PDB file of N, CA and C in Angstrom:
ATOM      1  N   UNK A   1     -30.731 -68.391  15.877  1.00  0.00           N
ATOM      2  CA  UNK A   1     -30.825 -68.170  17.305  1.00  0.00           C
ATOM      3  C   UNK A   1     -29.405 -68.102  17.865  1.00  0.00           C
ATOM      4  N   UNK A   2     -29.090 -67.058  18.586  1.00  0.00           N
ATOM      5  CA  UNK A   2     -27.741 -66.813  19.078  1.00  0.00           C
ATOM      6  C   UNK A   2     -27.271 -67.914  20.032  1.00  0.00           C
ATOM      7  N   UNK A   3     -28.172 -68.492  20.797  1.00  0.00           N
ATOM      8  CA  UNK A   3     -27.779 -69.550  21.730  1.00  0.00           C
ATOM      9  C   UNK A   3     -27.180 -70.751  20.986  1.00  0.00           C
ATOM     10  N   UNK A   4     -27.763 -71.124  19.882  1.00  0.00           N
ATOM     11  CA  UNK A   4     -27.232 -72.244  19.086  1.00  0.00           C
ATOM     12  C   UNK A   4     -25.890 -71.875  18.462  1.00  0.00           C
ATOM     13  N   UNK A   5     -25.752 -70.637  18.019  1.00  0.00           N
ATOM     14  CA  UNK A   5     -24.488 -70.155  17.451  1.00  0.00           C
ATOM     15  C   UNK A   5     -23.382 -70.234  18.501  1.00  0.00           C
ATOM     16  N   UNK A   6     -23.682 -69.803  19.713  1.00  0.00           N
ATOM     17  CA  UNK A   6     -22.694 -69.850  20.797  1.00  0.00           C
ATOM     18  C   UNK A   6     -22.333 -71.303  21.112  1.00  0.00           C
ATOM     19  N   UNK A   7     -23.340 -72.150  21.193  1.00  0.00           N
ATOM     20  CA  UNK A   7     -23.074 -73.560  21.491  1.00  0.00           C
ATOM     21  C   UNK A   7     -22.145 -74.179  20.445  1.00  0.00           C
ATOM     22  N   UNK A   8     -22.425 -73.940  19.190  1.00  0.00           N
ATOM     23  CA  UNK A   8     -21.601 -74.500  18.118  1.00  0.00           C
ATOM     24  C   UNK A   8     -20.155 -74.021  18.223  1.00  0.00           C
ATOM     25  N   UNK A   9     -19.964 -72.771  18.641  1.00  0.00           N
ATOM     26  CA  UNK A   9     -18.614 -72.226  18.775  1.00  0.00           C
ATOM     27  C   UNK A   9     -17.869 -72.795  19.980  1.00  0.00           C
ATOM     28  N   UNK A  10     -18.601 -73.157  21.032  1.00  0.00           N
ATOM     29  CA  UNK A  10     -17.961 -73.572  22.283  1.00  0.00           C
ATOM     30  C   UNK A  10     -17.934 -75.081  22.511  1.00  0.00           C
ATOM     31  N   UNK A  11     -18.663 -75.840  21.734  1.00  0.00           N
ATOM     32  CA  UNK A  11     -18.863 -77.265  22.041  1.00  0.00           C
ATOM     33  C   UNK A  11     -17.584 -78.097  22.081  1.00  0.00           C
ATOM     34  N   UNK A  12     -16.514 -77.625  21.489  1.00  0.00           N
ATOM     35  CA  UNK A  12     -15.254 -78.384  21.519  1.00  0.00           C
ATOM     36  C   UNK A  12     -14.442 -78.114  22.786  1.00  0.00           C
ATOM     37  N   UNK A  13     -14.877 -77.172  23.601  1.00  0.00           N
ATOM     38  CA  UNK A  13     -14.161 -76.817  24.834  1.00  0.00           C
ATOM     39  C   UNK A  13     -14.678 -77.616  26.023  1.00  0.00           C
ATOM     40  N   UNK A  14     -13.930 -77.616  27.108  1.00  0.00           N
ATOM     41  CA  UNK A  14     -14.343 -78.228  28.380  1.00  0.00           C
ATOM     42  C   UNK A  14     -14.790 -79.677  28.194  1.00  0.00           C
ATOM     43  N   UNK A  15     -14.060 -80.390  27.351  1.00  0.00           N
ATOM     44  CA  UNK A  15     -14.366 -81.801  27.096  1.00  0.00           C
ATOM     45  C   UNK A  15     -15.798 -81.995  26.606  1.00  0.00           C
ATOM     46  N   UNK A  16     -16.336 -80.959  25.937  1.00  0.00           N
ATOM     47  CA  UNK A  16     -17.692 -81.034  25.406  1.00  0.00           C
ATOM     48  C   UNK A  16     -18.780 -80.732  26.418  1.00  0.00           C
ATOM     49  N   UNK A  17     -18.412 -80.387  27.634  1.00  0.00           N
ATOM     50  CA  UNK A  17     -19.386 -80.088  28.685  1.00  0.00           C
ATOM     51  C   UNK A  17     -19.773 -78.612  28.615  1.00  0.00           C
ATOM     52  N   UNK A  18     -20.676 -78.307  27.715  1.00  0.00           N
ATOM     53  CA  UNK A  18     -21.119 -76.930  27.473  1.00  0.00           C
ATOM     54  C   UNK A  18     -22.635 -76.907  27.601  1.00  0.00           C
ATOM     55  N   UNK A  19     -23.136 -76.027  28.477  1.00  0.00           N
ATOM     56  CA  UNK A  19     -24.565 -76.028  28.801  1.00  0.00           C
ATOM     57  C   UNK A  19     -25.158 -74.633  28.692  1.00  0.00           C
ATOM     58  N   UNK A  20     -26.404 -74.572  28.301  1.00  0.00           N
ATOM     59  CA  UNK A  20     -27.157 -73.322  28.249  1.00  0.00           C
ATOM     60  C   UNK A  20     -27.830 -73.090  29.600  1.00  0.00           C
ATOM     61  N   UNK A  21     -27.553 -71.967  30.204  1.00  0.00           N
ATOM     62  CA  UNK A  21     -28.194 -71.472  31.436  1.00  0.00           C
ATOM     63  C   UNK A  21     -27.803 -72.180  32.724  1.00  0.00           C
ATOM     64  N   UNK A  22     -27.818 -73.512  32.734  1.00  0.00           N
ATOM     65  CA  UNK A  22     -27.515 -74.233  33.972  1.00  0.00           C
ATOM     66  C   UNK A  22     -26.918 -75.596  33.627  1.00  0.00           C
ATOM     67  N   UNK A  23     -25.954 -76.024  34.446  1.00  0.00           N
ATOM     68  CA  UNK A  23     -25.384 -77.356  34.261  1.00  0.00           C
ATOM     69  C   UNK A  23     -26.308 -78.387  34.896  1.00  0.00           C
ATOM     70  N   UNK A  24     -26.352 -79.570  34.327  1.00  0.00           N
ATOM     71  CA  UNK A  24     -27.197 -80.601  34.943  1.00  0.00           C
ATOM     72  C   UNK A  24     -26.649 -81.023  36.302  1.00  0.00           C
ATOM     73  N   UNK A  25     -27.508 -81.504  37.145  1.00  0.00           N
ATOM     74  CA  UNK A  25     -27.112 -81.985  38.462  1.00  0.00           C
ATOM     75  C   UNK A  25     -26.053 -83.072  38.294  1.00  0.00           C
ATOM     76  N   UNK A  26     -24.967 -82.931  39.025  1.00  0.00           N
ATOM     77  CA  UNK A  26     -23.902 -83.921  38.953  1.00  0.00           C
ATOM     78  C   UNK A  26     -22.925 -83.708  37.810  1.00  0.00           C
ATOM     79  N   UNK A  27     -22.984 -82.546  37.150  1.00  0.00           N
ATOM     80  CA  UNK A  27     -22.052 -82.260  36.057  1.00  0.00           C
ATOM     81  C   UNK A  27     -20.622 -82.335  36.579  1.00  0.00           C
ATOM     82  N   UNK A  28     -19.762 -82.949  35.799  1.00  0.00           N
ATOM     83  CA  UNK A  28     -18.372 -83.138  36.184  1.00  0.00           C
ATOM     84  C   UNK A  28     -17.521 -82.060  35.523  1.00  0.00           C
ATOM     85  N   UNK A  29     -16.698 -81.365  36.306  1.00  0.00           N
ATOM     86  CA  UNK A  29     -15.845 -80.329  35.733  1.00  0.00           C
ATOM     87  C   UNK A  29     -14.749 -80.957  34.862  1.00  0.00           C
ATOM     88  N   UNK A  30     -14.247 -80.207  33.905  1.00  0.00           N
ATOM     89  CA  UNK A  30     -14.558 -78.804  33.625  1.00  0.00           C
ATOM     90  C   UNK A  30     -15.865 -78.692  32.838  1.00  0.00           C
ATOM     91  N   UNK A  31     -16.532 -77.542  32.996  1.00  0.00           N
ATOM     92  CA  UNK A  31     -17.692 -77.269  32.166  1.00  0.00           C
ATOM     93  C   UNK A  31     -17.893 -75.772  32.005  1.00  0.00           C
ATOM     94  N   UNK A  32     -18.613 -75.448  30.935  1.00  0.00           N
ATOM     95  CA  UNK A  32     -18.964 -74.064  30.610  1.00  0.00           C
ATOM     96  C   UNK A  32     -20.472 -73.923  30.639  1.00  0.00           C
ATOM     97  N   UNK A  33     -20.918 -72.798  31.148  1.00  0.00           N
ATOM     98  CA  UNK A  33     -22.337 -72.438  31.101  1.00  0.00           C
ATOM     99  C   UNK A  33     -22.420 -71.085  30.413  1.00  0.00           C
ATOM    100  N   UNK A  34     -23.314 -70.964  29.459  1.00  0.00           N
ATOM    101  CA  UNK A  34     -23.477 -69.686  28.772  1.00  0.00           C
ATOM    102  C   UNK A  34     -24.940 -69.272  28.803  1.00  0.00           C
ATOM    103  N   UNK A  35     -25.146 -67.968  28.755  1.00  0.00           N
ATOM    104  CA  UNK A  35     -26.515 -67.446  28.733  1.00  0.00           C
ATOM    105  C   UNK A  35     -26.537 -66.096  28.039  1.00  0.00           C
ATOM    106  N   UNK A  36     -27.717 -65.713  27.631  1.00  0.00           N
ATOM    107  CA  UNK A  36     -27.954 -64.408  27.005  1.00  0.00           C
ATOM    108  C   UNK A  36     -28.992 -63.715  27.880  1.00  0.00           C
ATOM    109  N   UNK A  37     -28.529 -63.090  28.987  1.00  0.00           N
ATOM    110  CA  UNK A  37     -29.486 -62.550  29.959  1.00  0.00           C
ATOM    111  C   UNK A  37     -30.288 -61.352  29.470  1.00  0.00           C
ATOM    112  N   UNK A  38     -29.738 -60.551  28.559  1.00  0.00           N
ATOM    113  CA  UNK A  38     -30.515 -59.410  28.066  1.00  0.00           C
ATOM    114  C   UNK A  38     -30.343 -59.250  26.563  1.00  0.00           C
ATOM    115  N   UNK A  39     -31.425 -58.785  25.956  1.00  0.00           N
ATOM    116  CA  UNK A  39     -31.438 -58.484  24.533  1.00  0.00           C
ATOM    117  C   UNK A  39     -32.261 -57.214  24.349  1.00  0.00           C
ATOM    118  N   UNK A  40     -31.620 -56.211  23.773  1.00  0.00           N
ATOM    119  CA  UNK A  40     -32.302 -54.930  23.578  1.00  0.00           C
ATOM    120  C   UNK A  40     -32.299 -54.619  22.083  1.00  0.00           C
ATOM    121  N   UNK A  41     -33.456 -54.291  21.558  1.00  0.00           N
ATOM    122  CA  UNK A  41     -33.585 -53.981  20.135  1.00  0.00           C
ATOM    123  C   UNK A  41     -33.656 -52.478  19.934  1.00  0.00           C
ATOM    124  N   UNK A  42     -32.924 -52.007  18.946  1.00  0.00           N
ATOM    125  CA  UNK A  42     -32.917 -50.582  18.629  1.00  0.00           C
ATOM    126  C   UNK A  42     -34.097 -50.270  17.708  1.00  0.00           C
ATOM    127  N   UNK A  43     -34.799 -49.203  18.013  1.00  0.00           N
ATOM    128  CA  UNK A  43     -35.918 -48.764  17.184  1.00  0.00           C
ATOM    129  C   UNK A  43     -35.460 -47.680  16.212  1.00  0.00           C
ATOM    130  N   UNK A  44     -35.916 -47.801  14.994  1.00  0.00           N
ATOM    131  CA  UNK A  44     -35.666 -46.783  13.976  1.00  0.00           C
ATOM    132  C   UNK A  44     -37.004 -46.439  13.333  1.00  0.00           C
ATOM    133  N   UNK A  45     -37.027 -45.450  12.475  1.00  0.00           N
ATOM    134  CA  UNK A  45     -38.290 -45.013  11.861  1.00  0.00           C
ATOM    135  C   UNK A  45     -39.001 -46.126  11.108  1.00  0.00           C
ATOM    136  N   UNK A  46     -38.247 -47.045  10.529  1.00  0.00           N
ATOM    137  CA  UNK A  46     -38.856 -48.111   9.737  1.00  0.00           C
ATOM    138  C   UNK A  46     -39.111 -49.377  10.542  1.00  0.00           C
ATOM    139  N   UNK A  47     -38.935 -49.328  11.857  1.00  0.00           N
ATOM    140  CA  UNK A  47     -39.148 -50.508  12.702  1.00  0.00           C
ATOM    141  C   UNK A  47     -37.960 -50.742  13.608  1.00  0.00           C
ATOM    142  N   UNK A  48     -37.585 -51.989  13.715  1.00  0.00           N
ATOM    143  CA  UNK A  48     -36.444 -52.329  14.573  1.00  0.00           C
ATOM    144  C   UNK A  48     -35.233 -52.672  13.716  1.00  0.00           C
ATOM    145  N   UNK A  49     -34.077 -52.234  14.200  1.00  0.00           N
ATOM    146  CA  UNK A  49     -32.855 -52.542  13.467  1.00  0.00           C
ATOM    147  C   UNK A  49     -32.075 -53.610  14.240  1.00  0.00           C
ATOM    148  N   UNK A  50     -30.833 -53.339  14.567  1.00  0.00           N
ATOM    149  CA  UNK A  50     -30.011 -54.349  15.228  1.00  0.00           C
ATOM    150  C   UNK A  50     -30.439 -54.589  16.672  1.00  0.00           C
ATOM    151  N   UNK A  51     -29.941 -55.705  17.194  1.00  0.00           N
ATOM    152  CA  UNK A  51     -30.169 -56.065  18.593  1.00  0.00           C
ATOM    153  C   UNK A  51     -28.857 -55.974  19.341  1.00  0.00           C
ATOM    154  N   UNK A  52     -28.933 -55.524  20.574  1.00  0.00           N
ATOM    155  CA  UNK A  52     -27.784 -55.462  21.464  1.00  0.00           C
ATOM    156  C   UNK A  52     -27.942 -56.583  22.484  1.00  0.00           C
ATOM    157  N   UNK A  53     -27.001 -57.516  22.490  1.00  0.00           N
ATOM    158  CA  UNK A  53     -27.085 -58.678  23.364  1.00  0.00           C
ATOM    159  C   UNK A  53     -26.024 -58.636  24.444  1.00  0.00           C
ATOM    160  N   UNK A  54     -26.396 -59.002  25.642  1.00  0.00           N
ATOM    161  CA  UNK A  54     -25.432 -59.240  26.712  1.00  0.00           C
ATOM    162  C   UNK A  54     -25.263 -60.749  26.808  1.00  0.00           C
ATOM    163  N   UNK A  55     -24.016 -61.194  26.801  1.00  0.00           N
ATOM    164  CA  UNK A  55     -23.731 -62.623  26.857  1.00  0.00           C
ATOM    165  C   UNK A  55     -22.838 -62.881  28.063  1.00  0.00           C
ATOM    166  N   UNK A  56     -23.128 -63.964  28.769  1.00  0.00           N
ATOM    167  CA  UNK A  56     -22.330 -64.352  29.931  1.00  0.00           C
ATOM    168  C   UNK A  56     -21.860 -65.787  29.753  1.00  0.00           C
ATOM    169  N   UNK A  57     -20.586 -66.003  30.039  1.00  0.00           N
ATOM    170  CA  UNK A  57     -20.003 -67.338  29.981  1.00  0.00           C
ATOM    171  C   UNK A  57     -19.329 -67.598  31.322  1.00  0.00           C
ATOM    172  N   UNK A  58     -19.648 -68.732  31.928  1.00  0.00           N
ATOM    173  CA  UNK A  58     -19.045 -69.136  33.198  1.00  0.00           C
ATOM    174  C   UNK A  58     -18.272 -70.429  32.982  1.00  0.00           C
ATOM    175  N   UNK A  59     -17.024 -70.453  33.421  1.00  0.00           N
ATOM    176  CA  UNK A  59     -16.199 -71.661  33.369  1.00  0.00           C
ATOM    177  C   UNK A  59     -16.031 -72.185  34.786  1.00  0.00           C
ATOM    178  N   UNK A  60     -16.184 -73.492  34.971  1.00  0.00           N
ATOM    179  CA  UNK A  60     -16.038 -74.141  36.275  1.00  0.00           C
ATOM    180  C   UNK A  60     -15.003 -75.250  36.170  1.00  0.00           C
ATOM    181  N   UNK A  61     -14.091 -75.277  37.130  1.00  0.00           N
ATOM    182  CA  UNK A  61     -13.114 -76.360  37.200  1.00  0.00           C
ATOM    183  C   UNK A  61     -12.423 -76.332  38.560  1.00  0.00           C
ATOM    184  N   UNK A  62     -11.485 -77.242  38.729  1.00  0.00           N
ATOM    185  CA  UNK A  62     -10.829 -77.414  40.020  1.00  0.00           C
ATOM    186  C   UNK A  62      -9.759 -76.372  40.311  1.00  0.00           C
ATOM    187  N   UNK A  63      -9.225 -75.717  39.271  1.00  0.00           N
ATOM    188  CA  UNK A  63      -8.152 -74.740  39.494  1.00  0.00           C
ATOM    189  C   UNK A  63      -8.472 -73.411  38.824  1.00  0.00           C
ATOM    190  N   UNK A  64      -7.933 -72.362  39.394  1.00  0.00           N
ATOM    191  CA  UNK A  64      -8.090 -71.026  38.822  1.00  0.00           C
ATOM    192  C   UNK A  64      -7.420 -70.945  37.453  1.00  0.00           C
ATOM    193  N   UNK A  65      -6.280 -71.576  37.302  1.00  0.00           N
ATOM    194  CA  UNK A  65      -5.576 -71.566  36.028  1.00  0.00           C
ATOM    195  C   UNK A  65      -6.431 -72.202  34.922  1.00  0.00           C
ATOM    196  N   UNK A  66      -7.085 -73.274  35.247  1.00  0.00           N
ATOM    197  CA  UNK A  66      -7.921 -73.968  34.266  1.00  0.00           C
ATOM    198  C   UNK A  66      -9.110 -73.117  33.826  1.00  0.00           C
ATOM    199  N   UNK A  67      -9.802 -72.483  34.772  1.00  0.00           N
ATOM    200  CA  UNK A  67     -10.969 -71.674  34.380  1.00  0.00           C
ATOM    201  C   UNK A  67     -10.542 -70.423  33.620  1.00  0.00           C
ATOM    202  N   UNK A  68      -9.375 -69.875  33.964  1.00  0.00           N
ATOM    203  CA  UNK A  68      -8.861 -68.720  33.229  1.00  0.00           C
ATOM    204  C   UNK A  68      -8.578 -69.112  31.794  1.00  0.00           C
ATOM    205  N   UNK A  69      -7.955 -70.261  31.599  1.00  0.00           N
ATOM    206  CA  UNK A  69      -7.680 -70.759  30.249  1.00  0.00           C
ATOM    207  C   UNK A  69      -8.985 -71.017  29.481  1.00  0.00           C
ATOM    208  N   UNK A  70      -9.964 -71.639  30.126  1.00  0.00           N
ATOM    209  CA  UNK A  70     -11.237 -71.927  29.459  1.00  0.00           C
ATOM    210  C   UNK A  70     -11.932 -70.653  28.987  1.00  0.00           C
ATOM    211  N   UNK A  71     -11.927 -69.623  29.812  1.00  0.00           N
ATOM    212  CA  UNK A  71     -12.554 -68.360  29.413  1.00  0.00           C
ATOM    213  C   UNK A  71     -11.790 -67.727  28.264  1.00  0.00           C
ATOM    214  N   UNK A  72     -10.462 -67.760  28.311  1.00  0.00           N
ATOM    215  CA  UNK A  72      -9.670 -67.212  27.203  1.00  0.00           C
ATOM    216  C   UNK A  72      -9.988 -67.945  25.903  1.00  0.00           C
ATOM    217  N   UNK A  73     -10.087 -69.257  25.971  1.00  0.00           N
ATOM    218  CA  UNK A  73     -10.418 -70.046  24.781  1.00  0.00           C
ATOM    219  C   UNK A  73     -11.848 -69.760  24.304  1.00  0.00           C
ATOM    220  N   UNK A  74     -12.780 -69.637  25.237  1.00  0.00           N
ATOM    221  CA  UNK A  74     -14.162 -69.325  24.855  1.00  0.00           C
ATOM    222  C   UNK A  74     -14.224 -67.986  24.131  1.00  0.00           C
ATOM    223  N   UNK A  75     -13.546 -66.984  24.664  1.00  0.00           N
ATOM    224  CA  UNK A  75     -13.544 -65.674  24.002  1.00  0.00           C
ATOM    225  C   UNK A  75     -12.874 -65.746  22.631  1.00  0.00           C
ATOM    226  N   UNK A  76     -11.832 -66.554  22.511  1.00  0.00           N
ATOM    227  CA  UNK A  76     -11.171 -66.722  21.215  1.00  0.00           C
ATOM    228  C   UNK A  76     -12.132 -67.372  20.215  1.00  0.00           C
ATOM    229  N   UNK A  77     -12.893 -68.367  20.655  1.00  0.00           N
ATOM    230  CA  UNK A  77     -13.846 -69.047  19.780  1.00  0.00           C
ATOM    231  C   UNK A  77     -15.031 -68.149  19.391  1.00  0.00           C
ATOM    232  N   UNK A  78     -15.306 -67.138  20.194  1.00  0.00           N
ATOM    233  CA  UNK A  78     -16.432 -66.244  19.921  1.00  0.00           C
ATOM    234  C   UNK A  78     -15.988 -64.904  19.331  1.00  0.00           C
ATOM    235  N   UNK A  79     -14.725 -64.786  18.994  1.00  0.00           N
ATOM    236  CA  UNK A  79     -14.181 -63.529  18.501  1.00  0.00           C
ATOM    237  C   UNK A  79     -14.925 -63.014  17.257  1.00  0.00           C
ATOM    238  N   UNK A  80     -15.416 -63.923  16.424  1.00  0.00           N
ATOM    239  CA  UNK A  80     -16.126 -63.527  15.203  1.00  0.00           C
ATOM    240  C   UNK A  80     -17.426 -62.773  15.497  1.00  0.00           C
ATOM    241  N   UNK A  81     -17.928 -62.864  16.729  1.00  0.00           N
ATOM    242  CA  UNK A  81     -19.123 -62.095  17.109  1.00  0.00           C
ATOM    243  C   UNK A  81     -18.787 -60.636  17.414  1.00  0.00           C
ATOM    244  N   UNK A  82     -17.491 -60.303  17.426  1.00  0.00           N
ATOM    245  CA  UNK A  82     -16.996 -58.953  17.734  1.00  0.00           C
ATOM    246  C   UNK A  82     -17.488 -58.471  19.099  1.00  0.00           C
ATOM    247  N   UNK A  83     -17.154 -59.218  20.169  1.00  0.00           N
ATOM    248  CA  UNK A  83     -17.602 -58.805  21.506  1.00  0.00           C
ATOM    249  C   UNK A  83     -16.973 -57.480  21.935  1.00  0.00           C
ATOM    250  N   UNK A  84     -17.745 -56.694  22.672  1.00  0.00           N
ATOM    251  CA  UNK A  84     -17.263 -55.427  23.215  1.00  0.00           C
ATOM    252  C   UNK A  84     -17.564 -55.389  24.713  1.00  0.00           C
ATOM    253  N   UNK A  85     -16.993 -54.418  25.393  1.00  0.00           N
ATOM    254  CA  UNK A  85     -17.239 -54.226  26.829  1.00  0.00           C
ATOM    255  C   UNK A  85     -17.037 -55.521  27.616  1.00  0.00           C
ATOM    256  N   UNK A  86     -15.948 -56.202  27.359  1.00  0.00           N
ATOM    257  CA  UNK A  86     -15.674 -57.484  28.020  1.00  0.00           C
ATOM    258  C   UNK A  86     -15.211 -57.235  29.453  1.00  0.00           C
ATOM    259  N   UNK A  87     -15.858 -57.903  30.379  1.00  0.00           N
ATOM    260  CA  UNK A  87     -15.402 -57.863  31.775  1.00  0.00           C
ATOM    261  C   UNK A  87     -15.306 -59.303  32.272  1.00  0.00           C
ATOM    262  N   UNK A  88     -14.335 -59.531  33.138  1.00  0.00           N
ATOM    263  CA  UNK A  88     -14.116 -60.868  33.681  1.00  0.00           C
ATOM    264  C   UNK A  88     -13.909 -60.780  35.190  1.00  0.00           C
ATOM    265  N   UNK A  89     -14.322 -61.825  35.879  1.00  0.00           N
ATOM    266  CA  UNK A  89     -14.032 -61.927  37.306  1.00  0.00           C
ATOM    267  C   UNK A  89     -13.998 -63.394  37.713  1.00  0.00           C
ATOM    268  N   UNK A  90     -13.322 -63.663  38.812  1.00  0.00           N
ATOM    269  CA  UNK A  90     -13.183 -65.033  39.320  1.00  0.00           C
ATOM    270  C   UNK A  90     -13.666 -65.111  40.750  1.00  0.00           C
ATOM    271  N   UNK A  91     -14.211 -66.262  41.094  1.00  0.00           N
ATOM    272  CA  UNK A  91     -14.611 -66.546  42.472  1.00  0.00           C
ATOM    273  C   UNK A  91     -14.346 -68.025  42.754  1.00  0.00           C
ATOM    274  N   UNK A  92     -14.243 -68.348  44.029  1.00  0.00           N
ATOM    275  CA  UNK A  92     -14.174 -69.742  44.454  1.00  0.00           C
ATOM    276  C   UNK A  92     -15.496 -70.050  45.127  1.00  0.00           C
ATOM    277  N   UNK A  93     -16.166 -71.082  44.653  1.00  0.00           N
ATOM    278  CA  UNK A  93     -17.465 -71.453  45.213  1.00  0.00           C
ATOM    279  C   UNK A  93     -17.265 -72.591  46.210  1.00  0.00           C
ATOM    280  N   UNK A  94     -17.349 -72.257  47.471  1.00  0.00           N
ATOM    281  CA  UNK A  94     -17.065 -73.241  48.516  1.00  0.00           C
ATOM    282  C   UNK A  94     -18.112 -74.356  48.586  1.00  0.00           C
ATOM    283  N   UNK A  95     -19.336 -74.082  48.112  1.00  0.00           N
ATOM    284  CA  UNK A  95     -20.377 -75.129  48.141  1.00  0.00           C
ATOM    285  C   UNK A  95     -20.040 -76.278  47.196  1.00  0.00           C
ATOM    286  N   UNK A  96     -19.393 -75.945  46.070  1.00  0.00           N
ATOM    287  CA  UNK A  96     -19.064 -76.962  45.072  1.00  0.00           C
ATOM    288  C   UNK A  96     -17.578 -77.305  45.059  1.00  0.00           C
ATOM    289  N   UNK A  97     -16.783 -76.528  45.787  1.00  0.00           N
ATOM    290  CA  UNK A  97     -15.325 -76.666  45.774  1.00  0.00           C
ATOM    291  C   UNK A  97     -14.747 -76.469  44.376  1.00  0.00           C
ATOM    292  N   UNK A  98     -15.362 -75.561  43.624  1.00  0.00           N
ATOM    293  CA  UNK A  98     -14.903 -75.277  42.266  1.00  0.00           C
ATOM    294  C   UNK A  98     -14.557 -73.800  42.112  1.00  0.00           C
ATOM    295  N   UNK A  99     -13.612 -73.552  41.229  1.00  0.00           N
ATOM    296  CA  UNK A  99     -13.313 -72.186  40.822  1.00  0.00           C
ATOM    297  C   UNK A  99     -14.243 -71.846  39.671  1.00  0.00           C
ATOM    298  N   UNK A 100     -14.643 -70.582  39.629  1.00  0.00           N
ATOM    299  CA  UNK A 100     -15.483 -70.098  38.521  1.00  0.00           C
ATOM    300  C   UNK A 100     -14.862 -68.821  37.986  1.00  0.00           C
ATOM    301  N   UNK A 101     -14.796 -68.739  36.681  1.00  0.00           N
ATOM    302  CA  UNK A 101     -14.398 -67.487  36.038  1.00  0.00           C
ATOM    303  C   UNK A 101     -15.525 -67.127  35.090  1.00  0.00           C
ATOM    304  N   UNK A 102     -15.945 -65.861  35.157  1.00  0.00           N
ATOM    305  CA  UNK A 102     -17.053 -65.371  34.355  1.00  0.00           C
ATOM    306  C   UNK A 102     -16.560 -64.302  33.400  1.00  0.00           C
ATOM    307  N   UNK A 103     -17.044 -64.373  32.184  1.00  0.00           N
ATOM    308  CA  UNK A 103     -16.827 -63.314  31.198  1.00  0.00           C
ATOM    309  C   UNK A 103     -18.197 -62.804  30.785  1.00  0.00           C
ATOM    310  N   UNK A 104     -18.355 -61.504  30.813  1.00  0.00           N
ATOM    311  CA  UNK A 104     -19.585 -60.853  30.355  1.00  0.00           C
ATOM    312  C   UNK A 104     -19.196 -59.890  29.251  1.00  0.00           C
ATOM    313  N   UNK A 105     -19.981 -59.867  28.186  1.00  0.00           N
ATOM    314  CA  UNK A 105     -19.697 -58.959  27.082  1.00  0.00           C
ATOM    315  C   UNK A 105     -20.953 -58.672  26.294  1.00  0.00           C
ATOM    316  N   UNK A 106     -20.828 -57.733  25.376  1.00  0.00           N
ATOM    317  CA  UNK A 106     -21.963 -57.328  24.547  1.00  0.00           C
ATOM    318  C   UNK A 106     -21.613 -57.546  23.079  1.00  0.00           C
ATOM    319  N   UNK A 107     -22.629 -57.862  22.307  1.00  0.00           N
ATOM    320  CA  UNK A 107     -22.472 -57.977  20.851  1.00  0.00           C
ATOM    321  C   UNK A 107     -23.658 -57.283  20.186  1.00  0.00           C
ATOM    322  N   UNK A 108     -23.422 -56.835  18.988  1.00  0.00           N
ATOM    323  CA  UNK A 108     -24.494 -56.262  18.172  1.00  0.00           C
ATOM    324  C   UNK A 108     -24.806 -57.277  17.097  1.00  0.00           C
ATOM    325  N   UNK A 109     -26.083 -57.573  16.972  1.00  0.00           N
ATOM    326  CA  UNK A 109     -26.504 -58.585  16.010  1.00  0.00           C
ATOM    327  C   UNK A 109     -27.442 -57.997  14.994  1.00  0.00           C
TER     328      UNK A 109
END
C-alpha cells in the first residue's frame, strides 16, 4: 500500500509528526500531512497495467523557511518513487497562525 510506503519514508521528518490525510486535533508543529487523492489505472488488452498516482504532501510550521525545508526533505526522502510533474506552493493560514507549503506530484506504480 503506497500510503504505508510514504509513511515509512517520511516518519523521521518533522520530529516524527507525520499524518495520513489529516493531523489530529491539537497537533503541535512542525508536522507533515500526506495523501493520495487520485489513483488512475491504465487499461491494456490483458487487463490493467501500472497505476498513476497523485500524491500531496503538506508541511506546517511557524516559519516559511521551516516548511520549505520540510518539503525539500520530504521530496528527497521520496526520490526513489521517481516523482514527476512536481508543483509547490506556500500559504499562510491565519486561522492556525501557521505557514503551509504543499508539494503535489505524480508517480507511476
